Amino acid sequence: MSFIGTGDEDWVELDLDLFERSRSTALETVLLDGYDEVVRALGSDFAVETTGDGLVFILIDGQRRYRAEVSRDDRLILTGILDPEGPP
């Protein structure tokens, strides 16, 4: 974030892409730091995939099985993906 402007006309410039990248990087770090606990919850080893648009997925056996996100109250939410191959 930067503050730019001249004189009495100041405004804030916010880089939303940078903000989203830092959020997905932080989420990936949380998943990897708590790897053993997540493995116990899932019952399987996993890998983490972050897409270019900032989504974070948990891969099991090379397939996307969960989407990971952090709730407003800072809880880790894993949403199951019923069909990792996608629609036919």
PDB file of N, CA and C in Angstrom:
ATOM      1  N   MET A   1       0.855  -1.159   0.000  1.00  0.00           N
ATOM      2  CA  MET A   1       0.000   0.000   0.000  1.00  0.00           C
ATOM      3  C   MET A   1       0.900   1.220   0.000  1.00  0.00           C
ATOM      4  N   SER A   2       0.495   2.205  -0.768  1.00  0.00           N
ATOM      5  CA  SER A   2       1.269   3.431  -0.765  1.00  0.00           C
ATOM      6  C   SER A   2       0.326   4.621  -0.689  1.00  0.00           C
ATOM      7  N   PHE A   3       0.799   5.672  -0.081  1.00  0.00           N
ATOM      8  CA  PHE A   3       0.042   6.904   0.022  1.00  0.00           C
ATOM      9  C   PHE A   3       0.614   7.864  -1.005  1.00  0.00           C
ATOM     10  N   ILE A   4      -0.221   8.274  -1.942  1.00  0.00           N
ATOM     11  CA  ILE A   4       0.255   9.167  -2.983  1.00  0.00           C
ATOM     12  C   ILE A   4      -0.694  10.348  -3.103  1.00  0.00           C
ATOM     13  N   GLY A   5      -0.238  11.400  -3.678  1.00  0.00           N
ATOM     14  CA  GLY A   5      -1.061  12.585  -3.867  1.00  0.00           C
ATOM     15  C   GLY A   5      -0.218  13.823  -3.699  1.00  0.00           C
ATOM     16  N   THR A   6      -0.837  14.938  -3.956  1.00  0.00           N
ATOM     17  CA  THR A   6      -0.132  16.201  -3.799  1.00  0.00           C
ATOM     18  C   THR A   6      -0.972  17.133  -2.946  1.00  0.00           C
ATOM     19  N   GLY A   7      -0.321  17.821  -2.082  1.00  0.00           N
ATOM     20  CA  GLY A   7      -1.009  18.815  -1.269  1.00  0.00           C
ATOM     21  C   GLY A   7      -2.134  18.226  -0.443  1.00  0.00           C
ATOM     22  N   ASP A   8      -3.301  18.847  -0.544  1.00  0.00           N
ATOM     23  CA  ASP A   8      -4.461  18.416   0.236  1.00  0.00           C
ATOM     24  C   ASP A   8      -5.170  17.215  -0.369  1.00  0.00           C
ATOM     25  N   GLU A   9      -4.719  16.725  -1.520  1.00  0.00           N
ATOM     26  CA  GLU A   9      -5.394  15.628  -2.223  1.00  0.00           C
ATOM     27  C   GLU A   9      -4.583  14.349  -2.104  1.00  0.00           C
ATOM     28  N   ASP A  10      -4.708  13.665  -0.993  1.00  0.00           N
ATOM     29  CA  ASP A  10      -4.002  12.406  -0.771  1.00  0.00           C
ATOM     30  C   ASP A  10      -4.976  11.251  -0.935  1.00  0.00           C
ATOM     31  N   TRP A  11      -4.520  10.126  -1.450  1.00  0.00           N
ATOM     32  CA  TRP A  11      -5.333   8.933  -1.568  1.00  0.00           C
ATOM     33  C   TRP A  11      -4.465   7.716  -1.367  1.00  0.00           C
ATOM     34  N   VAL A  12      -5.104   6.604  -1.142  1.00  0.00           N
ATOM     35  CA  VAL A  12      -4.388   5.356  -0.866  1.00  0.00           C
ATOM     36  C   VAL A  12      -4.452   4.481  -2.103  1.00  0.00           C
ATOM     37  N   GLU A  13      -3.296   3.930  -2.470  1.00  0.00           N
ATOM     38  CA  GLU A  13      -3.232   2.975  -3.573  1.00  0.00           C
ATOM     39  C   GLU A  13      -3.026   1.600  -2.955  1.00  0.00           C
ATOM     40  N   LEU A  14      -3.895   0.661  -3.251  1.00  0.00           N
ATOM     41  CA  LEU A  14      -3.837  -0.663  -2.656  1.00  0.00           C
ATOM     42  C   LEU A  14      -3.696  -1.701  -3.762  1.00  0.00           C
ATOM     43  N   ASP A  15      -2.685  -2.531  -3.662  1.00  0.00           N
ATOM     44  CA  ASP A  15      -2.442  -3.583  -4.650  1.00  0.00           C
ATOM     45  C   ASP A  15      -3.199  -4.837  -4.215  1.00  0.00           C
ATOM     46  N   LEU A  16      -4.402  -5.051  -4.759  1.00  0.00           N
ATOM     47  CA  LEU A  16      -5.233  -6.183  -4.349  1.00  0.00           C
ATOM     48  C   LEU A  16      -4.625  -7.513  -4.778  1.00  0.00           C
ATOM     49  N   ASP A  17      -3.940  -7.550  -5.911  1.00  0.00           N
ATOM     50  CA  ASP A  17      -3.291  -8.793  -6.331  1.00  0.00           C
ATOM     51  C   ASP A  17      -2.224  -9.207  -5.329  1.00  0.00           C
ATOM     52  N   LEU A  18      -1.442  -8.258  -4.871  1.00  0.00           N
ATOM     53  CA  LEU A  18      -0.416  -8.549  -3.874  1.00  0.00           C
ATOM     54  C   LEU A  18      -1.060  -9.027  -2.579  1.00  0.00           C
ATOM     55  N   PHE A  19      -2.159  -8.408  -2.196  1.00  0.00           N
ATOM     56  CA  PHE A  19      -2.895  -8.802  -0.994  1.00  0.00           C
ATOM     57  C   PHE A  19      -3.382 -10.243  -1.103  1.00  0.00           C
ATOM     58  N   GLU A  20      -3.974 -10.617  -2.243  1.00  0.00           N
ATOM     59  CA  GLU A  20      -4.470 -11.980  -2.445  1.00  0.00           C
ATOM     60  C   GLU A  20      -3.324 -12.990  -2.441  1.00  0.00           C
ATOM     61  N   ARG A  21      -2.206 -12.645  -3.085  1.00  0.00           N
ATOM     62  CA  ARG A  21      -1.057 -13.555  -3.107  1.00  0.00           C
ATOM     63  C   ARG A  21      -0.517 -13.768  -1.700  1.00  0.00           C
ATOM     64  N   SER A  22      -0.470 -12.708  -0.906  1.00  0.00           N
ATOM     65  CA  SER A  22       0.052 -12.872   0.448  1.00  0.00           C
ATOM     66  C   SER A  22      -0.902 -13.712   1.297  1.00  0.00           C
ATOM     67  N   ARG A  23      -2.212 -13.586   1.075  1.00  0.00           N
ATOM     68  CA  ARG A  23      -3.177 -14.404   1.810  1.00  0.00           C
ATOM     69  C   ARG A  23      -3.035 -15.882   1.447  1.00  0.00           C
ATOM     70  N   SER A  24      -2.902 -16.186   0.150  1.00  0.00           N
ATOM     71  CA  SER A  24      -2.777 -17.585  -0.252  1.00  0.00           C
ATOM     72  C   SER A  24      -1.442 -18.163   0.198  1.00  0.00           C
ATOM     73  N   THR A  25      -0.388 -17.354   0.196  1.00  0.00           N
ATOM     74  CA  THR A  25       0.910 -17.815   0.690  1.00  0.00           C
ATOM     75  C   THR A  25       0.838 -18.094   2.185  1.00  0.00           C
ATOM     76  N   ALA A  26       0.160 -17.216   2.926  1.00  0.00           N
ATOM     77  CA  ALA A  26       0.001 -17.420   4.372  1.00  0.00           C
ATOM     78  C   ALA A  26      -0.817 -18.680   4.653  1.00  0.00           C
ATOM     79  N   LEU A  27      -1.850 -18.934   3.870  1.00  0.00           N
ATOM     80  CA  LEU A  27      -2.668 -20.138   4.046  1.00  0.00           C
ATOM     81  C   LEU A  27      -1.852 -21.386   3.748  1.00  0.00           C
ATOM     82  N   GLU A  28      -1.067 -21.351   2.694  1.00  0.00           N
ATOM     83  CA  GLU A  28      -0.198 -22.483   2.367  1.00  0.00           C
ATOM     84  C   GLU A  28       0.788 -22.752   3.505  1.00  0.00           C
ATOM     85  N   THR A  29       1.332 -21.698   4.085  1.00  0.00           N
ATOM     86  CA  THR A  29       2.261 -21.836   5.212  1.00  0.00           C
ATOM     87  C   THR A  29       1.578 -22.467   6.413  1.00  0.00           C
ATOM     88  N   VAL A  30       0.346 -22.039   6.710  1.00  0.00           N
ATOM     89  CA  VAL A  30      -0.415 -22.618   7.826  1.00  0.00           C
ATOM     90  C   VAL A  30      -0.628 -24.110   7.607  1.00  0.00           C
ATOM     91  N   LEU A  31      -0.994 -24.491   6.387  1.00  0.00           N
ATOM     92  CA  LEU A  31      -1.231 -25.910   6.086  1.00  0.00           C
ATOM     93  C   LEU A  31       0.041 -26.730   6.251  1.00  0.00           C
ATOM     94  N   LEU A  32       1.154 -26.209   5.769  1.00  0.00           N
ATOM     95  CA  LEU A  32       2.401 -26.961   5.843  1.00  0.00           C
ATOM     96  C   LEU A  32       2.982 -26.972   7.256  1.00  0.00           C
ATOM     97  N   ASP A  33       2.814 -25.869   7.998  1.00  0.00           N
ATOM     98  CA  ASP A  33       3.287 -25.834   9.382  1.00  0.00           C
ATOM     99  C   ASP A  33       2.484 -26.798  10.257  1.00  0.00           C
ATOM    100  N   GLY A  34       1.212 -26.940   9.966  1.00  0.00           N
ATOM    101  CA  GLY A  34       0.354 -27.854  10.719  1.00  0.00           C
ATOM    102  C   GLY A  34       0.133 -29.173  10.001  1.00  0.00           C
ATOM    103  N   TYR A  35       1.128 -29.577   9.198  1.00  0.00           N
ATOM    104  CA  TYR A  35       1.004 -30.745   8.331  1.00  0.00           C
ATOM    105  C   TYR A  35       0.515 -31.981   9.092  1.00  0.00           C
ATOM    106  N   ASP A  36       1.151 -32.319  10.212  1.00  0.00           N
ATOM    107  CA  ASP A  36       0.787 -33.535  10.940  1.00  0.00           C
ATOM    108  C   ASP A  36      -0.657 -33.493  11.428  1.00  0.00           C
ATOM    109  N   GLU A  37      -1.077 -32.342  11.899  1.00  0.00           N
ATOM    110  CA  GLU A  37      -2.449 -32.194  12.381  1.00  0.00           C
ATOM    111  C   GLU A  37      -3.463 -32.320  11.235  1.00  0.00           C
ATOM    112  N   VAL A  38      -3.144 -31.741  10.089  1.00  0.00           N
ATOM    113  CA  VAL A  38      -4.035 -31.842   8.925  1.00  0.00           C
ATOM    114  C   VAL A  38      -4.086 -33.281   8.423  1.00  0.00           C
ATOM    115  N   VAL A  39      -2.942 -33.967   8.424  1.00  0.00           N
ATOM    116  CA  VAL A  39      -2.913 -35.383   8.020  1.00  0.00           C
ATOM    117  C   VAL A  39      -3.815 -36.212   8.924  1.00  0.00           C
ATOM    118  N   ARG A  40      -3.746 -35.964  10.229  1.00  0.00           N
ATOM    119  CA  ARG A  40      -4.623 -36.693  11.160  1.00  0.00           C
ATOM    120  C   ARG A  40      -6.093 -36.425  10.853  1.00  0.00           C
ATOM    121  N   ALA A  41      -6.432 -35.179  10.544  1.00  0.00           N
ATOM    122  CA  ALA A  41      -7.817 -34.816  10.253  1.00  0.00           C
ATOM    123  C   ALA A  41      -8.297 -35.432   8.941  1.00  0.00           C
ATOM    124  N   LEU A  42      -7.417 -35.469   7.943  1.00  0.00           N
ATOM    125  CA  LEU A  42      -7.796 -35.993   6.631  1.00  0.00           C
ATOM    126  C   LEU A  42      -7.622 -37.502   6.520  1.00  0.00           C
ATOM    127  N   GLY A  43      -6.731 -38.050   7.331  1.00  0.00           N
ATOM    128  CA  GLY A  43      -6.445 -39.474   7.249  1.00  0.00           C
ATOM    129  C   GLY A  43      -5.544 -39.843   6.087  1.00  0.00           C
ATOM    130  N   SER A  44      -4.811 -38.858   5.565  1.00  0.00           N
ATOM    131  CA  SER A  44      -3.961 -39.123   4.409  1.00  0.00           C
ATOM    132  C   SER A  44      -2.903 -38.025   4.280  1.00  0.00           C
ATOM    133  N   ASP A  45      -1.768 -38.386   3.667  1.00  0.00           N
ATOM    134  CA  ASP A  45      -0.775 -37.385   3.302  1.00  0.00           C
ATOM    135  C   ASP A  45      -1.382 -36.490   2.225  1.00  0.00           C
ATOM    136  N   PHE A  46      -0.845 -35.291   2.081  1.00  0.00           N
ATOM    137  CA  PHE A  46      -1.390 -34.361   1.097  1.00  0.00           C
ATOM    138  C   PHE A  46      -0.307 -33.440   0.579  1.00  0.00           C
ATOM    139  N   ALA A  47      -0.623 -32.777  -0.521  1.00  0.00           N
ATOM    140  CA  ALA A  47       0.204 -31.714  -1.075  1.00  0.00           C
ATOM    141  C   ALA A  47      -0.676 -30.474  -1.190  1.00  0.00           C
ATOM    142  N   VAL A  48      -0.049 -29.323  -1.310  1.00  0.00           N
ATOM    143  CA  VAL A  48      -0.784 -28.065  -1.425  1.00  0.00           C
ATOM    144  C   VAL A  48      -0.549 -27.482  -2.805  1.00  0.00           C
ATOM    145  N   GLU A  49      -1.621 -27.022  -3.426  1.00  0.00           N
ATOM    146  CA  GLU A  49      -1.534 -26.375  -4.740  1.00  0.00           C
ATOM    147  C   GLU A  49      -2.185 -24.998  -4.634  1.00  0.00           C
ATOM    148  N   THR A  50      -1.464 -23.978  -5.082  1.00  0.00           N
ATOM    149  CA  THR A  50      -2.008 -22.630  -5.140  1.00  0.00           C
ATOM    150  C   THR A  50      -2.130 -22.244  -6.603  1.00  0.00           C
ATOM    151  N   THR A  51      -3.316 -21.840  -7.004  1.00  0.00           N
ATOM    152  CA  THR A  51      -3.542 -21.477  -8.400  1.00  0.00           C
ATOM    153  C   THR A  51      -3.185 -20.013  -8.628  1.00  0.00           C
ATOM    154  N   GLY A  52      -3.110 -19.633  -9.875  1.00  0.00           N
ATOM    155  CA  GLY A  52      -2.769 -18.259 -10.226  1.00  0.00           C
ATOM    156  C   GLY A  52      -3.781 -17.238  -9.745  1.00  0.00           C
ATOM    157  N   ASP A  53      -5.014 -17.680  -9.521  1.00  0.00           N
ATOM    158  CA  ASP A  53      -6.037 -16.745  -9.053  1.00  0.00           C
ATOM    159  C   ASP A  53      -6.192 -16.757  -7.537  1.00  0.00           C
ATOM    160  N   GLY A  54      -5.219 -17.359  -6.827  1.00  0.00           N
ATOM    161  CA  GLY A  54      -5.189 -17.287  -5.371  1.00  0.00           C
ATOM    162  C   GLY A  54      -5.936 -18.372  -4.624  1.00  0.00           C
ATOM    163  N   LEU A  55      -6.510 -19.341  -5.334  1.00  0.00           N
ATOM    164  CA  LEU A  55      -7.188 -20.441  -4.657  1.00  0.00           C
ATOM    165  C   LEU A  55      -6.158 -21.443  -4.159  1.00  0.00           C
ATOM    166  N   VAL A  56      -6.439 -22.048  -3.008  1.00  0.00           N
ATOM    167  CA  VAL A  56      -5.527 -23.027  -2.413  1.00  0.00           C
ATOM    168  C   VAL A  56      -6.271 -24.356  -2.313  1.00  0.00           C
ATOM    169  N   PHE A  57      -5.665 -25.400  -2.874  1.00  0.00           N
ATOM    170  CA  PHE A  57      -6.266 -26.726  -2.874  1.00  0.00           C
ATOM    171  C   PHE A  57      -5.371 -27.713  -2.141  1.00  0.00           C
ATOM    172  N   ILE A  58      -5.991 -28.712  -1.556  1.00  0.00           N
ATOM    173  CA  ILE A  58      -5.272 -29.837  -0.969  1.00  0.00           C
ATOM    174  C   ILE A  58      -5.399 -30.993  -1.944  1.00  0.00           C
ATOM    175  N   LEU A  59      -4.257 -31.541  -2.336  1.00  0.00           N
ATOM    176  CA  LEU A  59      -4.231 -32.667  -3.255  1.00  0.00           C
ATOM    177  C   LEU A  59      -3.930 -33.942  -2.486  1.00  0.00           C
ATOM    178  N   ILE A  60      -4.699 -34.972  -2.773  1.00  0.00           N
ATOM    179  CA  ILE A  60      -4.449 -36.296  -2.229  1.00  0.00           C
ATOM    180  C   ILE A  60      -4.328 -37.224  -3.427  1.00  0.00           C
ATOM    181  N   ASP A  61      -3.234 -37.951  -3.472  1.00  0.00           N
ATOM    182  CA  ASP A  61      -2.938 -38.814  -4.615  1.00  0.00           C
ATOM    183  C   ASP A  61      -2.965 -38.043  -5.929  1.00  0.00           C
ATOM    184  N   GLY A  62      -2.489 -36.800  -5.888  1.00  0.00           N
ATOM    185  CA  GLY A  62      -2.381 -36.003  -7.099  1.00  0.00           C
ATOM    186  C   GLY A  62      -3.665 -35.362  -7.577  1.00  0.00           C
ATOM    187  N   GLN A  63      -4.766 -35.535  -6.860  1.00  0.00           N
ATOM    188  CA  GLN A  63      -6.038 -34.950  -7.275  1.00  0.00           C
ATOM    189  C   GLN A  63      -6.529 -33.950  -6.237  1.00  0.00           C
ATOM    190  N   ARG A  64      -7.163 -32.892  -6.721  1.00  0.00           N
ATOM    191  CA  ARG A  64      -7.740 -31.903  -5.819  1.00  0.00           C
ATOM    192  C   ARG A  64      -8.885 -32.536  -5.044  1.00  0.00           C
ATOM    193  N   ARG A  65      -8.758 -32.573  -3.739  1.00  0.00           N
ATOM    194  CA  ARG A  65      -9.802 -33.167  -2.894  1.00  0.00           C
ATOM    195  C   ARG A  65     -10.485 -32.148  -1.990  1.00  0.00           C
ATOM    196  N   TYR A  66      -9.753 -31.054  -1.657  1.00  0.00           N
ATOM    197  CA  TYR A  66     -10.310 -30.032  -0.775  1.00  0.00           C
ATOM    198  C   TYR A  66      -9.857 -28.655  -1.237  1.00  0.00           C
ATOM    199  N   ARG A  67     -10.732 -27.690  -1.040  1.00  0.00           N
ATOM    200  CA  ARG A  67     -10.344 -26.288  -1.199  1.00  0.00           C
ATOM    201  C   ARG A  67     -10.137 -25.745   0.205  1.00  0.00           C
ATOM    202  N   ALA A  68      -9.037 -25.056   0.422  1.00  0.00           N
ATOM    203  CA  ALA A  68      -8.705 -24.523   1.740  1.00  0.00           C
ATOM    204  C   ALA A  68      -8.915 -23.016   1.751  1.00  0.00           C
ATOM    205  N   GLU A  69      -9.441 -22.530   2.868  1.00  0.00           N
ATOM    206  CA  GLU A  69      -9.583 -21.097   3.064  1.00  0.00           C
ATOM    207  C   GLU A  69      -9.651 -20.808   4.558  1.00  0.00           C
ATOM    208  N   VAL A  70      -9.526 -19.549   4.895  1.00  0.00           N
ATOM    209  CA  VAL A  70      -9.604 -19.127   6.292  1.00  0.00           C
ATOM    210  C   VAL A  70     -10.885 -18.332   6.462  1.00  0.00           C
ATOM    211  N   SER A  71     -11.656 -18.685   7.491  1.00  0.00           N
ATOM    212  CA  SER A  71     -12.916 -17.994   7.737  1.00  0.00           C
ATOM    213  C   SER A  71     -12.663 -16.621   8.348  1.00  0.00           C
ATOM    214  N   ARG A  72     -13.718 -15.866   8.502  1.00  0.00           N
ATOM    215  CA  ARG A  72     -13.596 -14.521   9.083  1.00  0.00           C
ATOM    216  C   ARG A  72     -13.097 -14.554  10.517  1.00  0.00           C
ATOM    217  N   ASP A  73     -13.365 -15.671  11.218  1.00  0.00           N
ATOM    218  CA  ASP A  73     -12.888 -15.780  12.598  1.00  0.00           C
ATOM    219  C   ASP A  73     -11.594 -16.588  12.681  1.00  0.00           C
ATOM    220  N   ASP A  74     -10.830 -16.607  11.566  1.00  0.00           N
ATOM    221  CA  ASP A  74      -9.502 -17.225  11.484  1.00  0.00           C
ATOM    222  C   ASP A  74      -9.500 -18.723  11.730  1.00  0.00           C
ATOM    223  N   ARG A  75     -10.535 -19.410  11.292  1.00  0.00           N
ATOM    224  CA  ARG A  75     -10.575 -20.864  11.367  1.00  0.00           C
ATOM    225  C   ARG A  75     -10.273 -21.429   9.982  1.00  0.00           C
ATOM    226  N   LEU A  76      -9.528 -22.515   9.955  1.00  0.00           N
ATOM    227  CA  LEU A  76      -9.208 -23.178   8.697  1.00  0.00           C
ATOM    228  C   LEU A  76     -10.435 -23.955   8.225  1.00  0.00           C
ATOM    229  N   ILE A  77     -10.861 -23.706   7.003  1.00  0.00           N
ATOM    230  CA  ILE A  77     -12.013 -24.394   6.420  1.00  0.00           C
ATOM    231  C   ILE A  77     -11.530 -25.204   5.225  1.00  0.00           C
ATOM    232  N   LEU A  78     -11.857 -26.490   5.237  1.00  0.00           N
ATOM    233  CA  LEU A  78     -11.547 -27.370   4.112  1.00  0.00           C
ATOM    234  C   LEU A  78     -12.870 -27.821   3.509  1.00  0.00           C
ATOM    235  N   THR A  79     -13.110 -27.438   2.271  1.00  0.00           N
ATOM    236  CA  THR A  79     -14.336 -27.789   1.577  1.00  0.00           C
ATOM    237  C   THR A  79     -14.039 -28.941   0.636  1.00  0.00           C
ATOM    238  N   GLY A  80     -14.741 -30.057   0.828  1.00  0.00           N
ATOM    239  CA  GLY A  80     -14.511 -31.237  -0.002  1.00  0.00           C
ATOM    240  C   GLY A  80     -14.945 -31.017  -1.436  1.00  0.00           C
ATOM    241  N   ILE A  81     -14.161 -31.540  -2.347  1.00  0.00           N
ATOM    242  CA  ILE A  81     -14.496 -31.513  -3.772  1.00  0.00           C
ATOM    243  C   ILE A  81     -14.999 -32.903  -4.118  1.00  0.00           C
ATOM    244  N   LEU A  82     -16.273 -33.003  -4.459  1.00  0.00           N
ATOM    245  CA  LEU A  82     -16.880 -34.308  -4.676  1.00  0.00           C
ATOM    246  C   LEU A  82     -16.351 -35.003  -5.928  1.00  0.00           C
ATOM    247  N   ASP A  83     -16.099 -34.246  -6.978  1.00  0.00           N
ATOM    248  CA  ASP A  83     -15.616 -34.831  -8.227  1.00  0.00           C
ATOM    249  C   ASP A  83     -14.341 -34.121  -8.666  1.00  0.00           C
ATOM    250  N   PRO A  84     -13.169 -34.635  -8.228  1.00  0.00           N
ATOM    251  CA  PRO A  84     -11.914 -33.937  -8.563  1.00  0.00           C
ATOM    252  C   PRO A  84     -11.617 -33.854 -10.045  1.00  0.00           C
ATOM    253  N   GLU A  85     -12.254 -34.706 -10.836  1.00  0.00           N
ATOM    254  CA  GLU A  85     -12.041 -34.670 -12.283  1.00  0.00           C
ATOM    255  C   GLU A  85     -12.844 -33.548 -12.939  1.00  0.00           C
ATOM    256  N   GLY A  86     -13.832 -33.013 -12.223  1.00  0.00           N
ATOM    257  CA  GLY A  86     -14.689 -31.977 -12.776  1.00  0.00           C
ATOM    258  C   GLY A  86     -15.874 -32.576 -13.495  1.00  0.00           C
ATOM    259  N   PRO A  87     -16.770 -31.731 -13.971  1.00  0.00           N
ATOM    260  CA  PRO A  87     -17.958 -32.244 -14.657  1.00  0.00           C
ATOM    261  C   PRO A  87     -17.577 -32.930 -15.966  1.00  0.00           C
ATOM    262  N   PRO A  88     -18.378 -33.918 -16.400  1.00  0.00           N
ATOM    263  CA  PRO A  88     -18.063 -34.638 -17.640  1.00  0.00           C
ATOM    264  C   PRO A  88     -18.165 -33.758 -18.865  1.00  0.00           C
TER     265      PRO A  88
END
